[in-house]
Amino acid sequence: MRLILAIVQDKDSNRLSDALTEENFKSTKLSSSGGFLKEGNTTLMIGCDDDDIDRALEIIKDNCSHREQMVAPISPMGGNADSYIPKPVKVEVGGATVFVLPVDAFHQF
């Protein structure tokens, strides 16, 4: 048995949860934040048998797309923020960061 931790952008989380449910994967959603943009993410914990890992990863890949987003950079430290006019930059967001971990024991009460 394995535990998949999938960190996805909030915009992709509902679509991914629905797709996993359609394929009979059970998951738990946790709200998380961080990364370069300090935006909200969703961390999905998915428990599955070793034989189902490839299918779960395929579902995650198919439902978490990369896209470009315009963001305004944070003002420089120590500088006068009044005179700093940030120029928006284009960054790639989305996709998924996935960890697959071994499970020593599983209990359901």
C-alpha atoms as a PDB file:
ATOM      1  CA  MET A   1       0.000   0.000   0.000  1.00  0.00           C
ATOM      2  CA  ARG A   2       1.118   3.560  -0.767  1.00  0.00           C
ATOM      3  CA  LEU A   3       0.122   7.067   0.230  1.00  0.00           C
ATOM      4  CA  ILE A   4       0.117   9.679  -2.523  1.00  0.00           C
ATOM      5  CA  LEU A   5       0.447  13.301  -1.446  1.00  0.00           C
ATOM      6  CA  ALA A   6      -0.557  15.545  -4.341  1.00  0.00           C
ATOM      7  CA  ILE A   7      -0.163  19.307  -3.928  1.00  0.00           C
ATOM      8  CA  VAL A   8      -2.280  21.050  -6.545  1.00  0.00           C
ATOM      9  CA  GLN A   9      -3.509  24.553  -7.226  1.00  0.00           C
ATOM     10  CA  ASP A  10      -6.956  25.314  -5.776  1.00  0.00           C
ATOM     11  CA  LYS A  11      -8.312  25.839  -9.307  1.00  0.00           C
ATOM     12  CA  ASP A  12      -7.572  22.178 -10.128  1.00  0.00           C
ATOM     13  CA  SER A  13      -8.620  20.557  -6.852  1.00  0.00           C
ATOM     14  CA  ASN A  14     -12.355  20.012  -7.487  1.00  0.00           C
ATOM     15  CA  ARG A  15     -11.809  18.615 -10.970  1.00  0.00           C
ATOM     16  CA  LEU A  16      -9.129  16.270  -9.634  1.00  0.00           C
ATOM     17  CA  SER A  17     -11.254  15.139  -6.675  1.00  0.00           C
ATOM     18  CA  ASP A  18     -14.169  14.360  -8.991  1.00  0.00           C
ATOM     19  CA  ALA A  19     -11.943  12.394 -11.384  1.00  0.00           C
ATOM     20  CA  LEU A  20     -10.428  10.366  -8.530  1.00  0.00           C
ATOM     21  CA  THR A  21     -13.889   9.599  -7.129  1.00  0.00           C
ATOM     22  CA  GLU A  22     -15.099   8.435 -10.557  1.00  0.00           C
ATOM     23  CA  GLU A  23     -12.246   5.900 -10.578  1.00  0.00           C
ATOM     24  CA  ASN A  24     -13.083   4.755  -7.000  1.00  0.00           C
ATOM     25  CA  PHE A  25     -10.050   6.358  -5.340  1.00  0.00           C
ATOM     26  CA  LYS A  26     -10.693   7.715  -1.877  1.00  0.00           C
ATOM     27  CA  SER A  27      -8.950  10.946  -0.938  1.00  0.00           C
ATOM     28  CA  THR A  28      -8.775  13.518   1.828  1.00  0.00           C
ATOM     29  CA  LYS A  29      -8.415  17.203   0.968  1.00  0.00           C
ATOM     30  CA  LEU A  30      -6.286  19.525   3.093  1.00  0.00           C
ATOM     31  CA  SER A  31      -6.042  23.255   2.604  1.00  0.00           C
ATOM     32  CA  SER A  32      -2.434  24.397   2.240  1.00  0.00           C
ATOM     33  CA  SER A  33      -0.473  27.405   1.054  1.00  0.00           C
ATOM     34  CA  GLY A  34       3.026  28.331   0.076  1.00  0.00           C
ATOM     35  CA  GLY A  35       5.329  28.334  -2.853  1.00  0.00           C
ATOM     36  CA  PHE A  36       6.599  31.208  -4.912  1.00  0.00           C
ATOM     37  CA  LEU A  37       3.252  33.010  -5.195  1.00  0.00           C
ATOM     38  CA  LYS A  38       2.123  32.346  -1.598  1.00  0.00           C
ATOM     39  CA  GLU A  39      -1.287  31.344  -2.942  1.00  0.00           C
ATOM     40  CA  GLY A  40      -3.694  28.728  -1.689  1.00  0.00           C
ATOM     41  CA  ASN A  41      -3.125  25.128  -2.647  1.00  0.00           C
ATOM     42  CA  THR A  42      -4.893  21.900  -1.916  1.00  0.00           C
ATOM     43  CA  THR A  43      -3.044  18.836  -0.692  1.00  0.00           C
ATOM     44  CA  LEU A  44      -4.788  15.564  -1.483  1.00  0.00           C
ATOM     45  CA  MET A  45      -3.922  12.440   0.480  1.00  0.00           C
ATOM     46  CA  ILE A  46      -4.747   9.354  -1.577  1.00  0.00           C
ATOM     47  CA  GLY A  47      -4.286   5.867  -0.204  1.00  0.00           C
ATOM     48  CA  CYS A  48      -4.062   3.105  -2.791  1.00  0.00           C
ATOM     49  CA  ASP A  49      -2.679  -0.329  -3.514  1.00  0.00           C
ATOM     50  CA  ASP A  50       0.673  -0.643  -5.260  1.00  0.00           C
ATOM     51  CA  ASP A  51      -1.078  -1.877  -8.417  1.00  0.00           C
ATOM     52  CA  ASP A  52      -3.137   1.336  -8.651  1.00  0.00           C
ATOM     53  CA  ILE A  53      -0.301   3.863  -8.357  1.00  0.00           C
ATOM     54  CA  ASP A  54       0.179   4.361 -12.101  1.00  0.00           C
ATOM     55  CA  ARG A  55      -3.548   4.942 -12.698  1.00  0.00           C
ATOM     56  CA  ALA A  56      -3.753   7.463  -9.827  1.00  0.00           C
ATOM     57  CA  LEU A  57      -0.724   9.361 -11.147  1.00  0.00           C
ATOM     58  CA  GLU A  58      -2.252   9.414 -14.626  1.00  0.00           C
ATOM     59  CA  ILE A  59      -5.471  10.925 -13.250  1.00  0.00           C
ATOM     60  CA  ILE A  60      -3.489  13.580 -11.379  1.00  0.00           C
ATOM     61  CA  LYS A  61      -1.461  14.435 -14.494  1.00  0.00           C
ATOM     62  CA  ASP A  62      -4.578  14.650 -16.688  1.00  0.00           C
ATOM     63  CA  ASN A  63      -6.433  16.994 -14.312  1.00  0.00           C
ATOM     64  CA  CYS A  64      -3.732  19.410 -13.148  1.00  0.00           C
ATOM     65  CA  SER A  65      -2.739  21.646 -16.014  1.00  0.00           C
ATOM     66  CA  HIS A  66       0.072  24.171 -16.299  1.00  0.00           C
ATOM     67  CA  ARG A  67      -0.938  27.701 -17.269  1.00  0.00           C
ATOM     68  CA  GLU A  68       0.597  31.149 -17.321  1.00  0.00           C
ATOM     69  CA  GLN A  69      -0.445  33.882 -14.911  1.00  0.00           C
ATOM     70  CA  MET A  70       0.535  37.534 -14.610  1.00  0.00           C
ATOM     71  CA  VAL A  71       1.738  38.536 -11.125  1.00  0.00           C
ATOM     72  CA  ALA A  72       3.111  41.741  -9.647  1.00  0.00           C
ATOM     73  CA  PRO A  73       6.456  41.280  -7.897  1.00  0.00           C
ATOM     74  CA  ILE A  74       6.766  42.195  -4.225  1.00  0.00           C
ATOM     75  CA  SER A  75       8.446  45.556  -3.510  1.00  0.00           C
ATOM     76  CA  PRO A  76      12.151  45.339  -2.672  1.00  0.00           C
ATOM     77  CA  MET A  77      13.136  45.182   0.994  1.00  0.00           C
ATOM     78  CA  GLY A  78      14.298  48.441   2.491  1.00  0.00           C
ATOM     79  CA  GLY A  79      13.115  50.482  -0.471  1.00  0.00           C
ATOM     80  CA  ASN A  80      10.448  53.136  -0.499  1.00  0.00           C
ATOM     81  CA  ALA A  81       7.285  51.300  -1.562  1.00  0.00           C
ATOM     82  CA  ASP A  82       5.631  54.573  -2.652  1.00  0.00           C
ATOM     83  CA  SER A  83       8.027  55.036  -5.555  1.00  0.00           C
ATOM     84  CA  TYR A  84       8.134  51.369  -6.535  1.00  0.00           C
ATOM     85  CA  ILE A  85       5.796  50.553  -9.417  1.00  0.00           C
ATOM     86  CA  PRO A  86       5.895  46.815 -10.024  1.00  0.00           C
ATOM     87  CA  LYS A  87       5.831  45.582 -13.590  1.00  0.00           C
ATOM     88  CA  PRO A  88       3.742  42.403 -13.818  1.00  0.00           C
ATOM     89  CA  VAL A  89       5.643  39.316 -14.877  1.00  0.00           C
ATOM     90  CA  LYS A  90       4.351  36.151 -16.477  1.00  0.00           C
ATOM     91  CA  VAL A  91       4.942  32.953 -14.463  1.00  0.00           C
ATOM     92  CA  GLU A  92       3.924  29.352 -15.012  1.00  0.00           C
ATOM     93  CA  VAL A  93       1.507  28.031 -12.390  1.00  0.00           C
ATOM     94  CA  GLY A  94      -0.511  24.878 -11.922  1.00  0.00           C
ATOM     95  CA  GLY A  95       0.473  21.297 -12.360  1.00  0.00           C
ATOM     96  CA  ALA A  96       1.014  19.062  -9.360  1.00  0.00           C
ATOM     97  CA  THR A  97       3.797  18.193  -6.976  1.00  0.00           C
ATOM     98  CA  VAL A  98       3.401  14.539  -6.030  1.00  0.00           C
ATOM     99  CA  PHE A  99       5.038  12.372  -3.379  1.00  0.00           C
ATOM    100  CA  VAL A 100       4.479   8.610  -3.243  1.00  0.00           C
ATOM    101  CA  LEU A 101       5.204   7.176   0.193  1.00  0.00           C
ATOM    102  CA  PRO A 102       5.215   3.608   1.505  1.00  0.00           C
ATOM    103  CA  VAL A 103       2.609   2.758   4.153  1.00  0.00           C
ATOM    104  CA  ASP A 104       3.734   0.429   6.942  1.00  0.00           C
ATOM    105  CA  ALA A 105       0.262   0.017   8.426  1.00  0.00           C
ATOM    106  CA  PHE A 106      -3.296   1.139   7.692  1.00  0.00           C
ATOM    107  CA  HIS A 107      -6.117   1.133  10.253  1.00  0.00           C
ATOM    108  CA  GLN A 108      -9.696   2.197   9.785  1.00  0.00           C
ATOM    109  CA  PHE A 109     -11.864   2.475  12.894  1.00  0.00           C
END
